Amino acid sequence: MDIRHAKFGLGDVVRHRLFPFRGVVVDVDPEFANTEEWYEAIPEDIRPRKDQPFYHLLAENEDSYYGAYVSEGNLLPDAENGPVGHPQIPEAFEDFDGQRYTLREGPDGAH
């Protein structure tokens, strides 16, 4: 079995390779785990392979904040452009240290 390791982790700041948005990683799926309808809605010429990590992001573009689901092949590191302004970031993360966000501790001290 081919074990894949995610290139990005929770709290990493990333940007999309093709589209003008960036975000913070809040969850990682080792391979595609969304609906077939969602997958088929992506134009075939840019549709990513399913056998790679997919990331749940708190995303932003110049117009809005939203959640995004993006394949690893479509993401690039983007911490050098500073923090992300998504209003839900404080729910999951503490501070941005210039490289990544640190996870907020839960009530029992766990992340």
PDB file of N, CA and C in Angstrom:
ATOM      1  N   MET A   1       0.856  -1.187   0.000  1.00  0.00           N
ATOM      2  CA  MET A   1       0.000   0.000   0.000  1.00  0.00           C
ATOM      3  C   MET A   1       0.896   1.242   0.000  1.00  0.00           C
ATOM      4  N   ASP A   2       0.553   2.188  -0.834  1.00  0.00           N
ATOM      5  CA  ASP A   2       1.309   3.439  -0.937  1.00  0.00           C
ATOM      6  C   ASP A   2       0.833   4.387   0.157  1.00  0.00           C
ATOM      7  N   ILE A   3       1.708   4.688   1.107  1.00  0.00           N
ATOM      8  CA  ILE A   3       1.371   5.617   2.188  1.00  0.00           C
ATOM      9  C   ILE A   3       1.744   7.026   1.729  1.00  0.00           C
ATOM     10  N   ARG A   4       0.757   7.916   1.722  1.00  0.00           N
ATOM     11  CA  ARG A   4       1.013   9.296   1.322  1.00  0.00           C
ATOM     12  C   ARG A   4       1.084  10.173   2.564  1.00  0.00           C
ATOM     13  N   HIS A   5       2.016  11.073   2.546  1.00  0.00           N
ATOM     14  CA  HIS A   5       2.143  12.019   3.648  1.00  0.00           C
ATOM     15  C   HIS A   5       1.716  13.389   3.141  1.00  0.00           C
ATOM     16  N   ALA A   6       0.884  14.041   3.908  1.00  0.00           N
ATOM     17  CA  ALA A   6       0.403  15.363   3.528  1.00  0.00           C
ATOM     18  C   ALA A   6       1.549  16.365   3.569  1.00  0.00           C
ATOM     19  N   LYS A   7       1.612  17.181   2.544  1.00  0.00           N
ATOM     20  CA  LYS A   7       2.653  18.214   2.444  1.00  0.00           C
ATOM     21  C   LYS A   7       2.386  19.361   3.415  1.00  0.00           C
ATOM     22  N   PHE A   8       1.103  19.637   3.684  1.00  0.00           N
ATOM     23  CA  PHE A   8       0.707  20.738   4.556  1.00  0.00           C
ATOM     24  C   PHE A   8       0.024  20.184   5.799  1.00  0.00           C
ATOM     25  N   GLY A   9       0.123  20.944   6.899  1.00  0.00           N
ATOM     26  CA  GLY A   9      -0.486  20.528   8.153  1.00  0.00           C
ATOM     27  C   GLY A   9      -1.461  21.569   8.666  1.00  0.00           C
ATOM     28  N   LEU A  10      -2.123  21.233   9.758  1.00  0.00           N
ATOM     29  CA  LEU A  10      -3.082  22.148  10.369  1.00  0.00           C
ATOM     30  C   LEU A  10      -2.394  23.454  10.726  1.00  0.00           C
ATOM     31  N   GLY A  11      -3.011  24.560  10.333  1.00  0.00           N
ATOM     32  CA  GLY A  11      -2.468  25.873  10.624  1.00  0.00           C
ATOM     33  C   GLY A  11      -1.590  26.449   9.533  1.00  0.00           C
ATOM     34  N   ASP A  12      -1.228  25.637   8.538  1.00  0.00           N
ATOM     35  CA  ASP A  12      -0.414  26.158   7.440  1.00  0.00           C
ATOM     36  C   ASP A  12      -1.211  27.126   6.574  1.00  0.00           C
ATOM     37  N   VAL A  13      -0.551  28.186   6.127  1.00  0.00           N
ATOM     38  CA  VAL A  13      -1.158  29.167   5.227  1.00  0.00           C
ATOM     39  C   VAL A  13      -0.753  28.789   3.805  1.00  0.00           C
ATOM     40  N   VAL A  14      -1.765  28.667   2.938  1.00  0.00           N
ATOM     41  CA  VAL A  14      -1.547  28.225   1.563  1.00  0.00           C
ATOM     42  C   VAL A  14      -2.323  29.111   0.598  1.00  0.00           C
ATOM     43  N   ARG A  15      -1.957  29.022  -0.685  1.00  0.00           N
ATOM     44  CA  ARG A  15      -2.735  29.696  -1.712  1.00  0.00           C
ATOM     45  C   ARG A  15      -2.983  28.710  -2.849  1.00  0.00           C
ATOM     46  N   HIS A  16      -4.047  28.959  -3.601  1.00  0.00           N
ATOM     47  CA  HIS A  16      -4.378  28.102  -4.729  1.00  0.00           C
ATOM     48  C   HIS A  16      -3.447  28.419  -5.892  1.00  0.00           C
ATOM     49  N   ARG A  17      -3.022  27.390  -6.571  1.00  0.00           N
ATOM     50  CA  ARG A  17      -2.086  27.518  -7.686  1.00  0.00           C
ATOM     51  C   ARG A  17      -2.719  28.198  -8.893  1.00  0.00           C
ATOM     52  N   LEU A  18      -4.035  27.998  -9.119  1.00  0.00           N
ATOM     53  CA  LEU A  18      -4.705  28.529 -10.303  1.00  0.00           C
ATOM     54  C   LEU A  18      -5.656  29.690 -10.034  1.00  0.00           C
ATOM     55  N   PHE A  19      -6.274  29.690  -8.872  1.00  0.00           N
ATOM     56  CA  PHE A  19      -7.319  30.661  -8.578  1.00  0.00           C
ATOM     57  C   PHE A  19      -6.873  31.638  -7.493  1.00  0.00           C
ATOM     58  N   PRO A  20      -7.405  32.867  -7.509  1.00  0.00           N
ATOM     59  CA  PRO A  20      -6.935  33.908  -6.587  1.00  0.00           C
ATOM     60  C   PRO A  20      -7.549  33.813  -5.189  1.00  0.00           C
ATOM     61  N   PHE A  21      -7.175  32.765  -4.446  1.00  0.00           N
ATOM     62  CA  PHE A  21      -7.570  32.707  -3.046  1.00  0.00           C
ATOM     63  C   PHE A  21      -6.490  32.013  -2.230  1.00  0.00           C
ATOM     64  N   ARG A  22      -6.548  32.273  -0.931  1.00  0.00           N
ATOM     65  CA  ARG A  22      -5.603  31.682   0.012  1.00  0.00           C
ATOM     66  C   ARG A  22      -6.382  31.269   1.248  1.00  0.00           C
ATOM     67  N   GLY A  23      -5.751  30.513   2.126  1.00  0.00           N
ATOM     68  CA  GLY A  23      -6.459  30.079   3.315  1.00  0.00           C
ATOM     69  C   GLY A  23      -5.556  29.391   4.314  1.00  0.00           C
ATOM     70  N   VAL A  24      -6.185  28.912   5.387  1.00  0.00           N
ATOM     71  CA  VAL A  24      -5.508  28.197   6.459  1.00  0.00           C
ATOM     72  C   VAL A  24      -6.042  26.769   6.485  1.00  0.00           C
ATOM     73  N   VAL A  25      -5.150  25.791   6.570  1.00  0.00           N
ATOM     74  CA  VAL A  25      -5.541  24.382   6.630  1.00  0.00           C
ATOM     75  C   VAL A  25      -6.181  24.092   7.987  1.00  0.00           C
ATOM     76  N   VAL A  26      -7.424  23.564   7.957  1.00  0.00           N
ATOM     77  CA  VAL A  26      -8.112  23.194   9.195  1.00  0.00           C
ATOM     78  C   VAL A  26      -8.360  21.691   9.301  1.00  0.00           C
ATOM     79  N   ASP A  27      -8.190  20.957   8.191  1.00  0.00           N
ATOM     80  CA  ASP A  27      -8.346  19.501   8.216  1.00  0.00           C
ATOM     81  C   ASP A  27      -7.702  18.945   6.955  1.00  0.00           C
ATOM     82  N   VAL A  28      -7.306  17.666   7.027  1.00  0.00           N
ATOM     83  CA  VAL A  28      -6.657  17.008   5.899  1.00  0.00           C
ATOM     84  C   VAL A  28      -7.288  15.646   5.700  1.00  0.00           C
ATOM     85  N   ASP A  29      -7.654  15.335   4.458  1.00  0.00           N
ATOM     86  CA  ASP A  29      -8.093  13.997   4.073  1.00  0.00           C
ATOM     87  C   ASP A  29      -6.941  13.349   3.309  1.00  0.00           C
ATOM     88  N   PRO A  30      -6.552  12.103   3.641  1.00  0.00           N
ATOM     89  CA  PRO A  30      -5.430  11.471   2.954  1.00  0.00           C
ATOM     90  C   PRO A  30      -5.655  11.289   1.455  1.00  0.00           C
ATOM     91  N   GLU A  31      -6.921  11.225   1.066  1.00  0.00           N
ATOM     92  CA  GLU A  31      -7.297  11.201  -0.350  1.00  0.00           C
ATOM     93  C   GLU A  31      -8.694  11.792  -0.463  1.00  0.00           C
ATOM     94  N   PHE A  32      -9.159  11.992  -1.685  1.00  0.00           N
ATOM     95  CA  PHE A  32     -10.450  12.635  -1.929  1.00  0.00           C
ATOM     96  C   PHE A  32     -11.553  12.006  -1.079  1.00  0.00           C
ATOM     97  N   ALA A  33     -12.321  12.835  -0.384  1.00  0.00           N
ATOM     98  CA  ALA A  33     -13.399  12.353   0.478  1.00  0.00           C
ATOM     99  C   ALA A  33     -14.612  13.271   0.408  1.00  0.00           C
ATOM    100  N   ASN A  34     -14.889  13.804  -0.774  1.00  0.00           N
ATOM    101  CA  ASN A  34     -16.067  14.644  -0.977  1.00  0.00           C
ATOM    102  C   ASN A  34     -17.025  13.871  -1.875  1.00  0.00           C
ATOM    103  N   THR A  35     -18.101  14.509  -2.319  1.00  0.00           N
ATOM    104  CA  THR A  35     -19.089  13.806  -3.139  1.00  0.00           C
ATOM    105  C   THR A  35     -18.644  13.703  -4.595  1.00  0.00           C
ATOM    106  N   GLU A  36     -19.157  12.696  -5.257  1.00  0.00           N
ATOM    107  CA  GLU A  36     -18.865  12.525  -6.678  1.00  0.00           C
ATOM    108  C   GLU A  36     -19.425  13.702  -7.481  1.00  0.00           C
ATOM    109  N   GLU A  37     -20.560  14.224  -7.052  1.00  0.00           N
ATOM    110  CA  GLU A  37     -21.162  15.391  -7.716  1.00  0.00           C
ATOM    111  C   GLU A  37     -20.213  16.600  -7.641  1.00  0.00           C
ATOM    112  N   TRP A  38     -19.619  16.824  -6.466  1.00  0.00           N
ATOM    113  CA  TRP A  38     -18.667  17.922  -6.300  1.00  0.00           C
ATOM    114  C   TRP A  38     -17.485  17.715  -7.251  1.00  0.00           C
ATOM    115  N   TYR A  39     -16.967  16.490  -7.306  1.00  0.00           N
ATOM    116  CA  TYR A  39     -15.809  16.183  -8.140  1.00  0.00           C
ATOM    117  C   TYR A  39     -16.120  16.386  -9.620  1.00  0.00           C
ATOM    118  N   GLU A  40     -17.253  15.903 -10.059  1.00  0.00           N
ATOM    119  CA  GLU A  40     -17.639  15.999 -11.479  1.00  0.00           C
ATOM    120  C   GLU A  40     -17.914  17.448 -11.896  1.00  0.00           C
ATOM    121  N   ALA A  41     -18.191  18.333 -10.939  1.00  0.00           N
ATOM    122  CA  ALA A  41     -18.453  19.743 -11.262  1.00  0.00           C
ATOM    123  C   ALA A  41     -17.169  20.492 -11.641  1.00  0.00           C
ATOM    124  N   ILE A  42     -16.018  19.908 -11.331  1.00  0.00           N
ATOM    125  CA  ILE A  42     -14.737  20.533 -11.698  1.00  0.00           C
ATOM    126  C   ILE A  42     -14.497  20.272 -13.178  1.00  0.00           C
ATOM    127  N   PRO A  43     -14.171  21.306 -13.957  1.00  0.00           N
ATOM    128  CA  PRO A  43     -13.901  21.085 -15.388  1.00  0.00           C
ATOM    129  C   PRO A  43     -12.834  19.998 -15.575  1.00  0.00           C
ATOM    130  N   GLU A  44     -13.100  19.086 -16.495  1.00  0.00           N
ATOM    131  CA  GLU A  44     -12.245  17.916 -16.671  1.00  0.00           C
ATOM    132  C   GLU A  44     -10.778  18.266 -16.920  1.00  0.00           C
ATOM    133  N   ASP A  45     -10.529  19.351 -17.627  1.00  0.00           N
ATOM    134  CA  ASP A  45      -9.140  19.693 -17.956  1.00  0.00           C
ATOM    135  C   ASP A  45      -8.333  20.171 -16.747  1.00  0.00           C
ATOM    136  N   ILE A  46      -9.001  20.507 -15.637  1.00  0.00           N
ATOM    137  CA  ILE A  46      -8.273  20.905 -14.423  1.00  0.00           C
ATOM    138  C   ILE A  46      -8.649  20.028 -13.220  1.00  0.00           C
ATOM    139  N   ARG A  47      -9.407  18.964 -13.454  1.00  0.00           N
ATOM    140  CA  ARG A  47      -9.849  18.089 -12.360  1.00  0.00           C
ATOM    141  C   ARG A  47      -8.651  17.350 -11.762  1.00  0.00           C
ATOM    142  N   PRO A  48      -8.447  17.453 -10.438  1.00  0.00           N
ATOM    143  CA  PRO A  48      -7.297  16.790  -9.812  1.00  0.00           C
ATOM    144  C   PRO A  48      -7.505  15.289  -9.638  1.00  0.00           C
ATOM    145  N   ARG A  49      -6.396  14.585  -9.506  1.00  0.00           N
ATOM    146  CA  ARG A  49      -6.474  13.158  -9.171  1.00  0.00           C
ATOM    147  C   ARG A  49      -7.078  13.000  -7.774  1.00  0.00           C
ATOM    148  N   LYS A  50      -7.783  11.895  -7.554  1.00  0.00           N
ATOM    149  CA  LYS A  50      -8.377  11.640  -6.242  1.00  0.00           C
ATOM    150  C   LYS A  50      -7.382  11.042  -5.255  1.00  0.00           C
ATOM    151  N   ASP A  51      -6.305  10.452  -5.742  1.00  0.00           N
ATOM    152  CA  ASP A  51      -5.372   9.718  -4.880  1.00  0.00           C
ATOM    153  C   ASP A  51      -4.250  10.603  -4.336  1.00  0.00           C
ATOM    154  N   GLN A  52      -4.625  11.733  -3.794  1.00  0.00           N
ATOM    155  CA  GLN A  52      -3.680  12.658  -3.174  1.00  0.00           C
ATOM    156  C   GLN A  52      -4.388  13.300  -1.991  1.00  0.00           C
ATOM    157  N   PRO A  53      -3.643  13.874  -1.062  1.00  0.00           N
ATOM    158  CA  PRO A  53      -4.311  14.558   0.047  1.00  0.00           C
ATOM    159  C   PRO A  53      -5.178  15.728  -0.448  1.00  0.00           C
ATOM    160  N   PHE A  54      -6.289  15.926   0.241  1.00  0.00           N
ATOM    161  CA  PHE A  54      -7.182  17.068   0.003  1.00  0.00           C
ATOM    162  C   PHE A  54      -7.305  17.822   1.317  1.00  0.00           C
ATOM    163  N   TYR A  55      -7.380  19.139   1.223  1.00  0.00           N
ATOM    164  CA  TYR A  55      -7.333  20.007   2.388  1.00  0.00           C
ATOM    165  C   TYR A  55      -8.610  20.818   2.530  1.00  0.00           C
ATOM    166  N   HIS A  56      -9.083  20.909   3.773  1.00  0.00           N
ATOM    167  CA  HIS A  56     -10.192  21.790   4.124  1.00  0.00           C
ATOM    168  C   HIS A  56      -9.562  23.098   4.574  1.00  0.00           C
ATOM    169  N   LEU A  57      -9.977  24.194   3.954  1.00  0.00           N
ATOM    170  CA  LEU A  57      -9.396  25.499   4.253  1.00  0.00           C
ATOM    171  C   LEU A  57     -10.442  26.486   4.743  1.00  0.00           C
ATOM    172  N   LEU A  58     -10.024  27.381   5.630  1.00  0.00           N
ATOM    173  CA  LEU A  58     -10.759  28.614   5.878  1.00  0.00           C
ATOM    174  C   LEU A  58     -10.147  29.580   4.875  1.00  0.00           C
ATOM    175  N   ALA A  59     -10.892  29.879   3.826  1.00  0.00           N
ATOM    176  CA  ALA A  59     -10.336  30.586   2.675  1.00  0.00           C
ATOM    177  C   ALA A  59     -10.855  32.011   2.559  1.00  0.00           C
ATOM    178  N   GLU A  60     -10.087  32.799   1.797  1.00  0.00           N
ATOM    179  CA  GLU A  60     -10.483  34.173   1.519  1.00  0.00           C
ATOM    180  C   GLU A  60     -10.019  34.551   0.120  1.00  0.00           C
ATOM    181  N   ASN A  61     -10.814  35.417  -0.506  1.00  0.00           N
ATOM    182  CA  ASN A  61     -10.361  36.097  -1.718  1.00  0.00           C
ATOM    183  C   ASN A  61     -10.633  37.578  -1.483  1.00  0.00           C
ATOM    184  N   GLU A  62     -10.486  38.405  -2.488  1.00  0.00           N
ATOM    185  CA  GLU A  62     -10.665  39.834  -2.204  1.00  0.00           C
ATOM    186  C   GLU A  62     -12.113  40.217  -1.950  1.00  0.00           C
ATOM    187  N   ASP A  63     -13.066  39.307  -2.212  1.00  0.00           N
ATOM    188  CA  ASP A  63     -14.485  39.610  -2.028  1.00  0.00           C
ATOM    189  C   ASP A  63     -15.148  38.961  -0.823  1.00  0.00           C
ATOM    190  N   SER A  64     -14.640  37.799  -0.375  1.00  0.00           N
ATOM    191  CA  SER A  64     -15.377  37.080   0.665  1.00  0.00           C
ATOM    192  C   SER A  64     -14.507  36.073   1.416  1.00  0.00           C
ATOM    193  N   TYR A  65     -15.124  35.489   2.455  1.00  0.00           N
ATOM    194  CA  TYR A  65     -14.546  34.420   3.259  1.00  0.00           C
ATOM    195  C   TYR A  65     -15.433  33.198   3.088  1.00  0.00           C
ATOM    196  N   TYR A  66     -14.832  32.015   3.041  1.00  0.00           N
ATOM    197  CA  TYR A  66     -15.599  30.793   2.805  1.00  0.00           C
ATOM    198  C   TYR A  66     -14.756  29.576   3.145  1.00  0.00           C
ATOM    199  N   GLY A  67     -15.368  28.406   3.095  1.00  0.00           N
ATOM    200  CA  GLY A  67     -14.647  27.151   3.243  1.00  0.00           C
ATOM    201  C   GLY A  67     -14.313  26.615   1.865  1.00  0.00           C
ATOM    202  N   ALA A  68     -13.132  26.015   1.722  1.00  0.00           N
ATOM    203  CA  ALA A  68     -12.719  25.448   0.435  1.00  0.00           C
ATOM    204  C   ALA A  68     -12.165  24.047   0.666  1.00  0.00           C
ATOM    205  N   TYR A  69     -12.265  23.222  -0.362  1.00  0.00           N
ATOM    206  CA  TYR A  69     -11.738  21.857  -0.352  1.00  0.00           C
ATOM    207  C   TYR A  69     -10.831  21.743  -1.563  1.00  0.00           C
ATOM    208  N   VAL A  70      -9.520  21.569  -1.347  1.00  0.00           N
ATOM    209  CA  VAL A  70      -8.544  21.699  -2.427  1.00  0.00           C
ATOM    210  C   VAL A  70      -7.543  20.552  -2.399  1.00  0.00           C
ATOM    211  N   SER A  71      -7.206  20.068  -3.583  1.00  0.00           N
ATOM    212  CA  SER A  71      -6.202  19.003  -3.701  1.00  0.00           C
ATOM    213  C   SER A  71      -4.811  19.549  -3.406  1.00  0.00           C
ATOM    214  N   GLU A  72      -3.935  18.675  -2.920  1.00  0.00           N
ATOM    215  CA  GLU A  72      -2.576  19.079  -2.602  1.00  0.00           C
ATOM    216  C   GLU A  72      -1.851  19.655  -3.818  1.00  0.00           C
ATOM    217  N   GLY A  73      -2.082  19.066  -4.990  1.00  0.00           N
ATOM    218  CA  GLY A  73      -1.407  19.533  -6.196  1.00  0.00           C
ATOM    219  C   GLY A  73      -1.766  20.948  -6.597  1.00  0.00           C
ATOM    220  N   ASN A  74      -2.859  21.481  -6.054  1.00  0.00           N
ATOM    221  CA  ASN A  74      -3.285  22.841  -6.381  1.00  0.00           C
ATOM    222  C   ASN A  74      -2.929  23.859  -5.302  1.00  0.00           C
ATOM    223  N   LEU A  75      -2.139  23.459  -4.307  1.00  0.00           N
ATOM    224  CA  LEU A  75      -1.788  24.381  -3.229  1.00  0.00           C
ATOM    225  C   LEU A  75      -0.298  24.678  -3.195  1.00  0.00           C
ATOM    226  N   LEU A  76       0.004  25.909  -2.822  1.00  0.00           N
ATOM    227  CA  LEU A  76       1.379  26.367  -2.643  1.00  0.00           C
ATOM    228  C   LEU A  76       1.491  27.038  -1.278  1.00  0.00           C
ATOM    229  N   PRO A  77       2.655  26.972  -0.624  1.00  0.00           N
ATOM    230  CA  PRO A  77       2.821  27.676   0.652  1.00  0.00           C
ATOM    231  C   PRO A  77       2.647  29.181   0.451  1.00  0.00           C
ATOM    232  N   ASP A  78       2.073  29.868   1.450  1.00  0.00           N
ATOM    233  CA  ASP A  78       1.829  31.300   1.295  1.00  0.00           C
ATOM    234  C   ASP A  78       2.002  32.086   2.592  1.00  0.00           C
ATOM    235  N   ALA A  79       2.714  31.543   3.564  1.00  0.00           N
ATOM    236  CA  ALA A  79       2.893  32.238   4.847  1.00  0.00           C
ATOM    237  C   ALA A  79       3.604  33.577   4.678  1.00  0.00           C
ATOM    238  N   GLU A  80       4.464  33.684   3.659  1.00  0.00           N
ATOM    239  CA  GLU A  80       5.221  34.931   3.477  1.00  0.00           C
ATOM    240  C   GLU A  80       4.319  36.125   3.196  1.00  0.00           C
ATOM    241  N   ASN A  81       3.060  35.866   2.829  1.00  0.00           N
ATOM    242  CA  ASN A  81       2.118  36.958   2.582  1.00  0.00           C
ATOM    243  C   ASN A  81       1.294  37.310   3.813  1.00  0.00           C
ATOM    244  N   GLY A  82       1.681  36.790   4.973  1.00  0.00           N
ATOM    245  CA  GLY A  82       1.062  37.185   6.229  1.00  0.00           C
ATOM    246  C   GLY A  82      -0.167  36.386   6.603  1.00  0.00           C
ATOM    247  N   PRO A  83      -0.833  36.819   7.682  1.00  0.00           N
ATOM    248  CA  PRO A  83      -1.997  36.100   8.186  1.00  0.00           C
ATOM    249  C   PRO A  83      -3.190  36.181   7.241  1.00  0.00           C
ATOM    250  N   VAL A  84      -4.119  35.258   7.440  1.00  0.00           N
ATOM    251  CA  VAL A  84      -5.370  35.205   6.686  1.00  0.00           C
ATOM    252  C   VAL A  84      -6.437  35.868   7.546  1.00  0.00           C
ATOM    253  N   GLY A  85      -7.354  36.603   6.921  1.00  0.00           N
ATOM    254  CA  GLY A  85      -8.347  37.361   7.678  1.00  0.00           C
ATOM    255  C   GLY A  85      -9.674  36.677   7.915  1.00  0.00           C
ATOM    256  N   HIS A  86      -9.787  35.391   7.629  1.00  0.00           N
ATOM    257  CA  HIS A  86     -11.070  34.688   7.785  1.00  0.00           C
ATOM    258  C   HIS A  86     -11.569  34.832   9.228  1.00  0.00           C
ATOM    259  N   PRO A  87     -12.832  35.244   9.416  1.00  0.00           N
ATOM    260  CA  PRO A  87     -13.331  35.508  10.776  1.00  0.00           C
ATOM    261  C   PRO A  87     -13.430  34.279  11.672  1.00  0.00           C
ATOM    262  N   GLN A  88     -13.393  33.061  11.146  1.00  0.00           N
ATOM    263  CA  GLN A  88     -13.493  31.857  11.980  1.00  0.00           C
ATOM    264  C   GLN A  88     -12.132  31.362  12.485  1.00  0.00           C
ATOM    265  N   ILE A  89     -11.057  31.965  12.043  1.00  0.00           N
ATOM    266  CA  ILE A  89      -9.725  31.512  12.457  1.00  0.00           C
ATOM    267  C   ILE A  89      -9.573  31.494  13.979  1.00  0.00           C
ATOM    268  N   PRO A  90     -10.026  32.523  14.729  1.00  0.00           N
ATOM    269  CA  PRO A  90      -9.853  32.493  16.193  1.00  0.00           C
ATOM    270  C   PRO A  90     -10.572  31.329  16.890  1.00  0.00           C
ATOM    271  N   GLU A  91     -11.554  30.708  16.219  1.00  0.00           N
ATOM    272  CA  GLU A  91     -12.242  29.560  16.817  1.00  0.00           C
ATOM    273  C   GLU A  91     -11.332  28.339  16.893  1.00  0.00           C
ATOM    274  N   ALA A  92     -10.410  28.204  15.949  1.00  0.00           N
ATOM    275  CA  ALA A  92      -9.555  27.018  15.878  1.00  0.00           C
ATOM    276  C   ALA A  92      -8.098  27.284  16.223  1.00  0.00           C
ATOM    277  N   PHE A  93      -7.651  28.531  16.067  1.00  0.00           N
ATOM    278  CA  PHE A  93      -6.233  28.820  16.199  1.00  0.00           C
ATOM    279  C   PHE A  93      -5.969  29.981  17.153  1.00  0.00           C
ATOM    280  N   GLU A  94      -4.772  29.958  17.723  1.00  0.00           N
ATOM    281  CA  GLU A  94      -4.303  31.038  18.586  1.00  0.00           C
ATOM    282  C   GLU A  94      -3.691  32.131  17.725  1.00  0.00           C
ATOM    283  N   ASP A  95      -2.383  32.100  17.580  1.00  0.00           N
ATOM    284  CA  ASP A  95      -1.659  33.159  16.904  1.00  0.00           C
ATOM    285  C   ASP A  95      -1.024  32.679  15.608  1.00  0.00           C
ATOM    286  N   PHE A  96      -0.700  33.635  14.749  1.00  0.00           N
ATOM    287  CA  PHE A  96       0.079  33.387  13.545  1.00  0.00           C
ATOM    288  C   PHE A  96       1.515  33.769  13.882  1.00  0.00           C
ATOM    289  N   ASP A  97       2.451  32.821  13.758  1.00  0.00           N
ATOM    290  CA  ASP A  97       3.839  33.077  14.167  1.00  0.00           C
ATOM    291  C   ASP A  97       4.745  33.513  13.015  1.00  0.00           C
ATOM    292  N   GLY A  98       4.129  33.844  11.884  1.00  0.00           N
ATOM    293  CA  GLY A  98       4.906  34.221  10.711  1.00  0.00           C
ATOM    294  C   GLY A  98       5.090  33.063   9.746  1.00  0.00           C
ATOM    295  N   GLN A  99       4.884  31.843  10.243  1.00  0.00           N
ATOM    296  CA  GLN A  99       4.976  30.639   9.416  1.00  0.00           C
ATOM    297  C   GLN A  99       3.655  29.886   9.344  1.00  0.00           C
ATOM    298  N   ARG A 100       2.990  29.797  10.489  1.00  0.00           N
ATOM    299  CA  ARG A 100       1.728  29.033  10.577  1.00  0.00           C
ATOM    300  C   ARG A 100       0.937  29.493  11.789  1.00  0.00           C
ATOM    301  N   TYR A 101      -0.319  29.070  11.839  1.00  0.00           N
ATOM    302  CA  TYR A 101      -1.168  29.322  13.001  1.00  0.00           C
ATOM    303  C   TYR A 101      -0.984  28.178  13.993  1.00  0.00           C
ATOM    304  N   THR A 102      -1.017  28.499  15.288  1.00  0.00           N
ATOM    305  CA  THR A 102      -0.950  27.459  16.310  1.00  0.00           C
ATOM    306  C   THR A 102      -2.368  27.098  16.730  1.00  0.00           C
ATOM    307  N   LEU A 103      -2.602  25.798  16.907  1.00  0.00           N
ATOM    308  CA  LEU A 103      -3.928  25.332  17.287  1.00  0.00           C
ATOM    309  C   LEU A 103      -4.317  25.841  18.659  1.00  0.00           C
ATOM    310  N   ARG A 104      -5.594  26.198  18.784  1.00  0.00           N
ATOM    311  CA  ARG A 104      -6.139  26.624  20.079  1.00  0.00           C
ATOM    312  C   ARG A 104      -6.324  25.376  20.926  1.00  0.00           C
ATOM    313  N   GLU A 105      -5.946  25.447  22.179  1.00  0.00           N
ATOM    314  CA  GLU A 105      -6.140  24.315  23.091  1.00  0.00           C
ATOM    315  C   GLU A 105      -7.618  24.221  23.479  1.00  0.00           C
ATOM    316  N   GLY A 106      -8.089  22.979  23.557  1.00  0.00           N
ATOM    317  CA  GLY A 106      -9.459  22.732  23.992  1.00  0.00           C
ATOM    318  C   GLY A 106      -9.570  22.878  25.489  1.00  0.00           C
ATOM    319  N   PRO A 107     -10.795  22.753  26.037  1.00  0.00           N
ATOM    320  CA  PRO A 107     -11.012  22.913  27.471  1.00  0.00           C
ATOM    321  C   PRO A 107     -10.242  21.888  28.315  1.00  0.00           C
ATOM    322  N   ASP A 108      -9.948  20.716  27.735  1.00  0.00           N
ATOM    323  CA  ASP A 108      -9.208  19.688  28.483  1.00  0.00           C
ATOM    324  C   ASP A 108      -7.698  19.782  28.232  1.00  0.00           C
ATOM    325  N   GLY A 109      -7.247  20.846  27.557  1.00  0.00           N
ATOM    326  CA  GLY A 109      -5.838  21.030  27.279  1.00  0.00           C
ATOM    327  C   GLY A 109      -5.379  20.381  25.991  1.00  0.00           C
ATOM    328  N   ALA A 110      -6.278  19.644  25.326  1.00  0.00           N
ATOM    329  CA  ALA A 110      -5.928  18.977  24.064  1.00  0.00           C
ATOM    330  C   ALA A 110      -6.126  19.922  22.900  1.00  0.00           C
ATOM    331  N   HIS A 111      -5.427  19.651  21.819  1.00  0.00           N
ATOM    332  CA  HIS A 111      -5.579  20.441  20.583  1.00  0.00           C
ATOM    333  C   HIS A 111      -6.722  19.910  19.776  1.00  0.00           C
TER     334      HIS A 111
END
